[in-house]
Protein backbone atom coordinates (compact mmCIF):
# COMPACT_ATOMS: atom_id res chain seq x y z
CA MET A 1 91.85 82.59 105.64
CA ALA A 2 94.01 84.09 102.89
CA PRO A 3 95.92 86.45 105.23
CA ILE A 4 96.77 83.46 107.42
CA PHE A 5 98.05 81.62 104.36
CA GLY A 6 100.17 84.64 103.45
CA GLY A 7 101.41 84.96 107.01
CA ILE A 8 102.62 81.37 106.93
CA HIS A 9 104.60 82.18 103.81
CA CYS A 10 105.98 85.31 105.48
CA MET A 11 107.60 83.04 108.06
CA ALA A 12 110.12 82.14 105.34
CA TRP A 13 111.30 85.75 105.27
CA PHE A 14 114.84 84.92 106.40
CA PHE A 15 115.17 81.52 104.74
CA ALA A 16 118.00 80.88 102.30
CA PHE A 17 117.02 81.11 98.64
CA PRO A 18 119.11 80.12 95.61
CA THR A 19 119.18 83.68 94.26
CA TYR A 20 118.45 87.14 95.57
CA GLN A 21 115.75 87.64 92.93
CA GLU A 22 113.87 84.58 94.15
CA GLN A 23 114.07 85.85 97.71
CA VAL A 24 112.63 89.22 96.69
CA LEU A 25 109.89 87.53 94.65
CA TRP A 26 109.00 85.30 97.61
CA ARG A 27 108.85 88.21 100.03
CA THR A 28 106.82 90.38 97.67
CA SER A 29 104.36 87.60 96.92
CA ALA A 30 103.98 86.68 100.58
CA VAL A 31 103.23 90.28 101.54
CA ALA A 32 100.83 90.61 98.61
CA ILE A 33 98.96 87.48 99.64
CA THR A 34 98.76 88.72 103.22
CA CYS A 35 97.62 92.28 102.48
CA THR A 36 95.61 92.05 99.26
CA PRO A 37 92.51 90.42 100.78
CA TRP A 38 92.31 93.17 103.38
CA LEU A 39 92.72 95.86 100.76
CA GLY A 40 90.27 94.17 98.43
CA PHE A 41 87.46 93.95 100.96
CA LEU A 42 87.98 97.03 103.12
CA ALA A 43 88.66 99.66 100.48
CA PRO A 44 85.53 99.27 98.26
CA PRO A 45 83.13 100.33 101.05
CA LEU A 46 85.38 103.32 101.68
CA LEU A 47 85.44 104.15 97.97
CA THR A 48 81.66 103.87 97.84
CA ALA A 49 81.33 106.18 100.84
CA LEU A 50 83.50 108.73 99.03
CA ASP A 51 81.09 108.68 96.06
CA THR A 52 83.59 107.29 93.58
CA PRO A 53 82.14 105.88 90.37
CA ASP A 54 81.27 102.21 90.33
CA ALA A 55 83.78 101.60 87.55
CA VAL A 56 86.62 102.75 89.81
CA THR A 57 85.48 100.53 92.66
CA THR A 58 85.04 97.55 90.36
CA SER A 59 88.40 98.04 88.67
CA TYR A 60 90.08 98.37 92.07
CA PHE A 61 88.54 95.10 93.22
CA VAL A 62 89.55 93.36 89.97
CA LEU A 63 93.10 94.69 90.38
CA CYS A 64 93.25 93.27 93.91
CA VAL A 65 92.00 89.88 92.76
CA MET A 66 94.45 89.79 89.86
CA SER A 67 97.40 90.73 92.06
CA TYR A 68 96.41 88.02 94.55
CA VAL A 69 96.22 85.38 91.82
CA VAL A 70 99.58 86.43 90.36
CA ALA A 71 101.21 86.35 93.81
CA ARG A 72 99.84 82.85 94.44
CA ALA A 73 101.13 81.69 91.06
CA VAL A 74 104.58 83.14 91.76
CA LEU A 75 104.74 81.34 95.10
CA LEU A 76 103.67 78.09 93.46
CA VAL A 77 106.42 78.35 90.86
CA LEU A 78 109.02 79.37 93.45
CA MET A 79 108.15 76.40 95.65
CA PHE A 80 109.18 74.03 92.90
CA THR A 81 112.14 76.00 91.54
CA THR A 82 113.81 76.21 94.95
CA LEU A 83 113.93 72.42 95.07
CA ARG A 84 116.86 72.54 92.65
CA ASN A 85 119.18 73.85 95.35
CA LEU A 86 118.55 71.73 98.43
CA PRO A 87 121.18 71.35 101.15
CA PRO A 88 123.06 68.02 101.23
CA ASP A 89 121.24 66.93 104.39
CA ALA A 90 118.00 66.74 102.43
CA TYR A 91 119.34 63.73 100.53
CA LYS A 92 120.30 61.68 103.58
CA ALA A 93 118.25 58.59 104.27
CA VAL A 94 116.54 58.62 107.64
CA SER A 95 116.65 55.46 109.68
CA TRP A 96 113.13 55.64 111.07
CA THR A 97 113.50 52.49 113.14
CA SER A 98 116.16 54.13 115.29
CA LEU A 99 113.59 56.73 116.33
CA VAL A 100 111.18 54.15 117.76
CA PRO A 101 112.33 53.29 121.31
CA HIS A 102 111.19 49.66 121.47
CA LEU A 103 112.81 48.45 118.24
């Protein structure tokens, strides 16, 4: 489910952002949310098969979880900060009654 959520955020790859830094943060966070669950659940069995210590496997999993949480938090903050720079069309009032054919 998490990679799908990240993939949806990756669809905004070419959207306009207020600053270049926000665009890079959005892209990085979207890729992290998409890839981190795969890395977090596929790599520990591989690390166990390679006879790595349990501390390494556990710390790797904790690192993946922490990076996922940070990426989600960054996206949450960016969603609200990009509202400061909306295009002028976002402030136009929509006449919904003109969209209903029988009114």
